[in-house]
Amino acid sequence: MREMLAVTASLVGAGLGDSVALLTDGRFSGATHGFMAGHVAPEAVHGGPIAAVADGDEITIDVDARKLEVALTDEEIATRVAAYVSPVRENLPIVLKKYAGQVRSASLGAITH
């Protein structure tokens, strides 16, 4: 699960902190501020529905109802998720390869198995 501080700092640094929301399956540090939704699960890398989202898609975030919706049909989401290819990380140090193979979703506490 990627740390998002560099991304959120870039958004805020570009003056977009009040007009852009960041939706991610990554995690945030305590320094993050602005409208950010993290730990969306299941993660894209595991074929979660966030993998279906593409540039230009309309997303509705209803904070009060704790709901995220993307303006796509169920069929389009299924097609995009099926076509998603997880990034290959060939040159990781052995300890990170071991960790990546054992860590579980943030929705399960990001524990190792």
N, C-alpha and C. Protein backbone atom coordinates (compact mmCIF):
# COMPACT_ATOMS: atom_id res chain seq x y z
N MET A 1 0.85 -1.17 0.00
CA MET A 1 0.00 0.00 0.00
C MET A 1 0.89 1.23 0.00
N ARG A 2 0.78 2.01 -1.01
CA ARG A 2 1.67 3.15 -1.21
C ARG A 2 1.35 4.31 -0.27
N GLU A 3 2.38 5.00 0.19
CA GLU A 3 2.25 6.22 0.99
C GLU A 3 1.99 7.38 0.04
N MET A 4 1.01 8.21 0.36
CA MET A 4 0.52 9.25 -0.55
C MET A 4 1.02 10.65 -0.23
N LEU A 5 1.94 10.83 0.71
CA LEU A 5 2.34 12.18 1.12
C LEU A 5 2.87 13.00 -0.05
N ALA A 6 3.70 12.42 -0.91
CA ALA A 6 4.24 13.19 -2.05
C ALA A 6 3.12 13.64 -2.98
N VAL A 7 2.12 12.80 -3.17
CA VAL A 7 1.00 13.15 -4.04
C VAL A 7 0.16 14.26 -3.42
N THR A 8 -0.19 14.11 -2.14
CA THR A 8 -1.03 15.12 -1.50
C THR A 8 -0.28 16.45 -1.38
N ALA A 9 1.01 16.39 -1.10
CA ALA A 9 1.81 17.62 -1.01
C ALA A 9 1.86 18.32 -2.37
N SER A 10 1.92 17.55 -3.44
CA SER A 10 1.92 18.14 -4.78
C SER A 10 0.60 18.83 -5.08
N LEU A 11 -0.51 18.20 -4.71
CA LEU A 11 -1.82 18.82 -4.92
C LEU A 11 -1.94 20.14 -4.15
N VAL A 12 -1.58 20.10 -2.88
CA VAL A 12 -1.67 21.30 -2.06
C VAL A 12 -0.69 22.35 -2.55
N GLY A 13 0.53 21.94 -2.90
CA GLY A 13 1.54 22.87 -3.41
C GLY A 13 1.13 23.55 -4.71
N ALA A 14 0.31 22.87 -5.50
CA ALA A 14 -0.17 23.45 -6.75
C ALA A 14 -1.41 24.31 -6.54
N GLY A 15 -1.82 24.47 -5.28
CA GLY A 15 -2.99 25.29 -4.97
C GLY A 15 -4.31 24.60 -5.22
N LEU A 16 -4.30 23.27 -5.29
CA LEU A 16 -5.52 22.52 -5.59
C LEU A 16 -6.15 21.87 -4.36
N GLY A 17 -5.60 22.14 -3.19
CA GLY A 17 -6.07 21.48 -1.97
C GLY A 17 -7.53 21.71 -1.64
N ASP A 18 -8.09 22.85 -2.07
CA ASP A 18 -9.50 23.14 -1.78
C ASP A 18 -10.43 22.77 -2.92
N SER A 19 -9.90 22.31 -4.05
CA SER A 19 -10.77 22.04 -5.18
C SER A 19 -10.63 20.63 -5.75
N VAL A 20 -9.70 19.84 -5.23
CA VAL A 20 -9.48 18.48 -5.73
C VAL A 20 -9.56 17.50 -4.57
N ALA A 21 -10.29 16.41 -4.78
CA ALA A 21 -10.32 15.32 -3.81
C ALA A 21 -9.44 14.19 -4.35
N LEU A 22 -8.72 13.54 -3.48
CA LEU A 22 -7.89 12.40 -3.88
C LEU A 22 -8.52 11.13 -3.33
N LEU A 23 -8.82 10.20 -4.21
CA LEU A 23 -9.37 8.90 -3.86
C LEU A 23 -8.30 7.87 -4.18
N THR A 24 -7.91 7.06 -3.20
CA THR A 24 -6.80 6.14 -3.40
C THR A 24 -6.94 4.88 -2.56
N ASP A 25 -6.28 3.83 -3.00
CA ASP A 25 -6.17 2.65 -2.16
C ASP A 25 -4.86 2.70 -1.37
N GLY A 26 -4.19 3.84 -1.43
CA GLY A 26 -2.96 4.05 -0.67
C GLY A 26 -3.24 4.52 0.74
N ARG A 27 -2.18 4.90 1.45
CA ARG A 27 -2.33 5.33 2.85
C ARG A 27 -1.78 6.74 2.99
N PHE A 28 -2.21 7.42 4.04
CA PHE A 28 -1.79 8.79 4.30
C PHE A 28 -0.99 8.88 5.58
N SER A 29 -0.08 9.82 5.61
CA SER A 29 0.65 10.11 6.84
C SER A 29 -0.13 11.15 7.62
N GLY A 30 0.34 11.48 8.80
CA GLY A 30 -0.30 12.50 9.62
C GLY A 30 -0.18 13.90 9.05
N ALA A 31 0.67 14.10 8.04
CA ALA A 31 0.87 15.43 7.47
C ALA A 31 -0.13 15.75 6.36
N THR A 32 -0.96 14.78 5.97
CA THR A 32 -1.90 14.98 4.87
C THR A 32 -3.05 15.88 5.31
N HIS A 33 -3.43 16.79 4.43
CA HIS A 33 -4.63 17.58 4.68
C HIS A 33 -5.33 17.87 3.36
N GLY A 34 -6.60 18.21 3.45
CA GLY A 34 -7.43 18.38 2.26
C GLY A 34 -8.44 17.27 2.19
N PHE A 35 -9.20 17.21 1.11
CA PHE A 35 -10.24 16.20 0.94
C PHE A 35 -9.60 14.95 0.34
N MET A 36 -9.27 14.01 1.20
CA MET A 36 -8.58 12.79 0.78
C MET A 36 -9.31 11.57 1.33
N ALA A 37 -9.55 10.58 0.49
CA ALA A 37 -10.16 9.32 0.90
C ALA A 37 -9.18 8.21 0.60
N GLY A 38 -8.67 7.58 1.63
CA GLY A 38 -7.67 6.53 1.46
C GLY A 38 -8.14 5.19 1.97
N HIS A 39 -7.28 4.20 1.76
CA HIS A 39 -7.53 2.83 2.18
C HIS A 39 -8.80 2.27 1.54
N VAL A 40 -9.10 2.70 0.30
CA VAL A 40 -10.24 2.16 -0.42
C VAL A 40 -9.92 0.70 -0.72
N ALA A 41 -10.81 -0.21 -0.33
CA ALA A 41 -10.52 -1.63 -0.45
C ALA A 41 -11.70 -2.36 -1.10
N PRO A 42 -11.48 -3.46 -1.80
CA PRO A 42 -10.16 -4.04 -2.03
C PRO A 42 -9.34 -3.17 -2.99
N GLU A 43 -8.06 -3.22 -2.83
CA GLU A 43 -7.14 -2.40 -3.58
C GLU A 43 -7.14 -2.76 -5.07
N ALA A 44 -6.79 -1.80 -5.89
CA ALA A 44 -6.73 -2.01 -7.34
C ALA A 44 -5.79 -3.16 -7.68
N VAL A 45 -4.66 -3.23 -7.01
CA VAL A 45 -3.67 -4.25 -7.32
C VAL A 45 -4.22 -5.66 -7.13
N HIS A 46 -5.29 -5.78 -6.32
CA HIS A 46 -5.94 -7.07 -6.10
C HIS A 46 -7.24 -7.19 -6.90
N GLY A 47 -7.40 -6.34 -7.92
CA GLY A 47 -8.59 -6.40 -8.76
C GLY A 47 -9.80 -5.73 -8.18
N GLY A 48 -9.59 -4.86 -7.19
CA GLY A 48 -10.71 -4.13 -6.60
C GLY A 48 -11.31 -3.15 -7.58
N PRO A 49 -12.52 -2.68 -7.30
CA PRO A 49 -13.22 -1.82 -8.25
C PRO A 49 -12.53 -0.48 -8.51
N ILE A 50 -11.65 -0.03 -7.64
CA ILE A 50 -10.93 1.21 -7.90
C ILE A 50 -10.07 1.08 -9.16
N ALA A 51 -9.75 -0.16 -9.54
CA ALA A 51 -8.98 -0.40 -10.77
C ALA A 51 -9.77 -0.02 -12.02
N ALA A 52 -11.10 0.12 -11.88
CA ALA A 52 -11.94 0.45 -13.03
C ALA A 52 -11.95 1.94 -13.33
N VAL A 53 -11.55 2.77 -12.38
CA VAL A 53 -11.65 4.21 -12.55
C VAL A 53 -10.57 4.71 -13.51
N ALA A 54 -10.99 5.56 -14.45
CA ALA A 54 -10.08 6.09 -15.46
C ALA A 54 -10.19 7.61 -15.50
N ASP A 55 -9.19 8.26 -16.09
CA ASP A 55 -9.22 9.71 -16.26
C ASP A 55 -10.53 10.11 -16.93
N GLY A 56 -11.17 11.13 -16.37
CA GLY A 56 -12.40 11.66 -16.95
C GLY A 56 -13.67 11.05 -16.39
N ASP A 57 -13.57 9.97 -15.61
CA ASP A 57 -14.77 9.37 -15.01
C ASP A 57 -15.34 10.31 -13.95
N GLU A 58 -16.65 10.36 -13.87
CA GLU A 58 -17.33 11.18 -12.86
C GLU A 58 -17.53 10.35 -11.59
N ILE A 59 -17.02 10.87 -10.49
CA ILE A 59 -17.12 10.19 -9.19
C ILE A 59 -17.88 11.09 -8.24
N THR A 60 -18.84 10.52 -7.53
CA THR A 60 -19.58 11.24 -6.50
C THR A 60 -19.15 10.72 -5.14
N ILE A 61 -18.75 11.64 -4.27
CA ILE A 61 -18.35 11.28 -2.92
C ILE A 61 -19.37 11.92 -1.97
N ASP A 62 -20.17 11.08 -1.30
CA ASP A 62 -21.17 11.54 -0.34
C ASP A 62 -20.63 11.22 1.05
N VAL A 63 -20.01 12.22 1.67
CA VAL A 63 -19.36 12.01 2.97
C VAL A 63 -20.39 11.60 4.02
N ASP A 64 -21.53 12.29 4.07
CA ASP A 64 -22.54 12.01 5.09
C ASP A 64 -23.06 10.57 5.01
N ALA A 65 -23.27 10.08 3.79
CA ALA A 65 -23.77 8.72 3.60
C ALA A 65 -22.64 7.69 3.56
N ARG A 66 -21.38 8.17 3.61
CA ARG A 66 -20.20 7.29 3.54
C ARG A 66 -20.26 6.43 2.28
N LYS A 67 -20.47 7.11 1.14
CA LYS A 67 -20.67 6.43 -0.13
C LYS A 67 -19.79 7.01 -1.23
N LEU A 68 -19.22 6.13 -2.04
CA LEU A 68 -18.48 6.50 -3.24
C LEU A 68 -19.19 5.87 -4.42
N GLU A 69 -19.45 6.65 -5.45
CA GLU A 69 -20.08 6.11 -6.65
C GLU A 69 -19.38 6.65 -7.88
N VAL A 70 -19.17 5.78 -8.85
CA VAL A 70 -18.61 6.19 -10.13
C VAL A 70 -19.71 6.04 -11.18
N ALA A 71 -19.81 7.00 -12.09
CA ALA A 71 -20.87 7.00 -13.10
C ALA A 71 -20.53 6.03 -14.22
N LEU A 72 -20.54 4.74 -13.88
CA LEU A 72 -20.31 3.66 -14.85
C LEU A 72 -21.33 2.57 -14.60
N THR A 73 -21.67 1.84 -15.63
CA THR A 73 -22.56 0.69 -15.44
C THR A 73 -21.78 -0.44 -14.78
N ASP A 74 -22.51 -1.36 -14.17
CA ASP A 74 -21.86 -2.54 -13.57
C ASP A 74 -21.08 -3.31 -14.62
N GLU A 75 -21.61 -3.35 -15.84
CA GLU A 75 -20.93 -4.07 -16.93
C GLU A 75 -19.60 -3.41 -17.28
N GLU A 76 -19.59 -2.07 -17.35
CA GLU A 76 -18.35 -1.35 -17.68
C GLU A 76 -17.31 -1.54 -16.58
N ILE A 77 -17.75 -1.51 -15.32
CA ILE A 77 -16.83 -1.74 -14.21
C ILE A 77 -16.22 -3.13 -14.32
N ALA A 78 -17.07 -4.14 -14.56
CA ALA A 78 -16.58 -5.52 -14.67
C ALA A 78 -15.60 -5.66 -15.83
N THR A 79 -15.88 -5.03 -16.96
CA THR A 79 -15.00 -5.09 -18.13
C THR A 79 -13.65 -4.47 -17.81
N ARG A 80 -13.67 -3.29 -17.19
CA ARG A 80 -12.41 -2.61 -16.87
C ARG A 80 -11.59 -3.36 -15.83
N VAL A 81 -12.25 -3.88 -14.80
CA VAL A 81 -11.52 -4.64 -13.77
C VAL A 81 -10.90 -5.89 -14.38
N ALA A 82 -11.65 -6.57 -15.26
CA ALA A 82 -11.13 -7.77 -15.91
C ALA A 82 -9.91 -7.46 -16.78
N ALA A 83 -9.86 -6.25 -17.35
CA ALA A 83 -8.75 -5.86 -18.22
C ALA A 83 -7.56 -5.29 -17.44
N TYR A 84 -7.74 -5.01 -16.16
CA TYR A 84 -6.67 -4.40 -15.36
C TYR A 84 -5.49 -5.36 -15.21
N VAL A 85 -4.29 -4.84 -15.40
CA VAL A 85 -3.07 -5.62 -15.21
C VAL A 85 -2.30 -5.00 -14.06
N SER A 86 -2.08 -5.79 -13.04
CA SER A 86 -1.34 -5.32 -11.87
C SER A 86 0.10 -5.02 -12.25
N PRO A 87 0.67 -3.93 -11.72
CA PRO A 87 2.06 -3.62 -12.06
C PRO A 87 3.02 -4.70 -11.56
N VAL A 88 4.02 -4.98 -12.37
CA VAL A 88 5.02 -5.98 -11.99
C VAL A 88 6.21 -5.24 -11.37
N ARG A 89 6.62 -5.71 -10.24
CA ARG A 89 7.76 -5.09 -9.55
C ARG A 89 8.87 -6.13 -9.48
N GLU A 90 9.73 -6.07 -10.47
CA GLU A 90 10.77 -7.09 -10.64
C GLU A 90 11.95 -6.95 -9.68
N ASN A 91 12.42 -5.73 -9.46
CA ASN A 91 13.69 -5.54 -8.78
C ASN A 91 13.55 -5.10 -7.32
N LEU A 92 12.57 -5.64 -6.63
CA LEU A 92 12.41 -5.31 -5.22
C LEU A 92 13.43 -6.07 -4.38
N PRO A 93 13.91 -5.46 -3.30
CA PRO A 93 14.74 -6.22 -2.36
C PRO A 93 13.95 -7.41 -1.82
N ILE A 94 14.62 -8.47 -1.45
CA ILE A 94 13.97 -9.70 -1.00
C ILE A 94 13.00 -9.45 0.14
N VAL A 95 13.36 -8.59 1.08
CA VAL A 95 12.49 -8.34 2.23
C VAL A 95 11.17 -7.70 1.78
N LEU A 96 11.20 -6.83 0.77
CA LEU A 96 9.98 -6.22 0.27
C LEU A 96 9.14 -7.20 -0.54
N LYS A 97 9.79 -8.10 -1.29
CA LYS A 97 9.06 -9.14 -2.01
C LYS A 97 8.32 -10.04 -1.02
N LYS A 98 9.00 -10.39 0.06
CA LYS A 98 8.38 -11.23 1.08
C LYS A 98 7.19 -10.50 1.71
N TYR A 99 7.38 -9.25 2.05
CA TYR A 99 6.31 -8.46 2.64
C TYR A 99 5.13 -8.34 1.68
N ALA A 100 5.39 -8.01 0.41
CA ALA A 100 4.32 -7.85 -0.57
C ALA A 100 3.53 -9.14 -0.75
N GLY A 101 4.20 -10.27 -0.61
CA GLY A 101 3.53 -11.55 -0.76
C GLY A 101 2.71 -11.96 0.45
N GLN A 102 2.94 -11.29 1.59
CA GLN A 102 2.27 -11.70 2.81
C GLN A 102 1.30 -10.67 3.39
N VAL A 103 1.43 -9.40 3.02
CA VAL A 103 0.57 -8.38 3.61
C VAL A 103 -0.84 -8.50 3.06
N ARG A 104 -1.81 -8.20 3.89
CA ARG A 104 -3.21 -8.26 3.50
C ARG A 104 -3.79 -6.86 3.37
N SER A 105 -5.00 -6.77 2.89
CA SER A 105 -5.69 -5.52 2.62
C SER A 105 -5.77 -4.61 3.85
N ALA A 106 -5.82 -3.30 3.57
CA ALA A 106 -6.00 -2.32 4.64
C ALA A 106 -7.33 -2.57 5.36
N SER A 107 -8.32 -3.10 4.65
CA SER A 107 -9.62 -3.37 5.28
C SER A 107 -9.52 -4.47 6.32
N LEU A 108 -8.44 -5.24 6.27
CA LEU A 108 -8.19 -6.30 7.25
C LEU A 108 -7.12 -5.89 8.26
N GLY A 109 -6.72 -4.63 8.20
CA GLY A 109 -5.71 -4.12 9.13
C GLY A 109 -4.30 -4.13 8.58
N ALA A 110 -4.12 -4.42 7.29
CA ALA A 110 -2.81 -4.47 6.65
C ALA A 110 -1.86 -5.39 7.41
N ILE A 111 -2.41 -6.49 7.93
CA ILE A 111 -1.61 -7.45 8.67
C ILE A 111 -0.90 -8.39 7.70
N THR A 112 0.10 -9.09 8.20
CA THR A 112 0.76 -10.10 7.37
C THR A 112 0.16 -11.46 7.67
N HIS A 113 0.26 -12.33 6.70
CA HIS A 113 -0.34 -13.67 6.80
C HIS A 113 0.75 -14.71 6.80
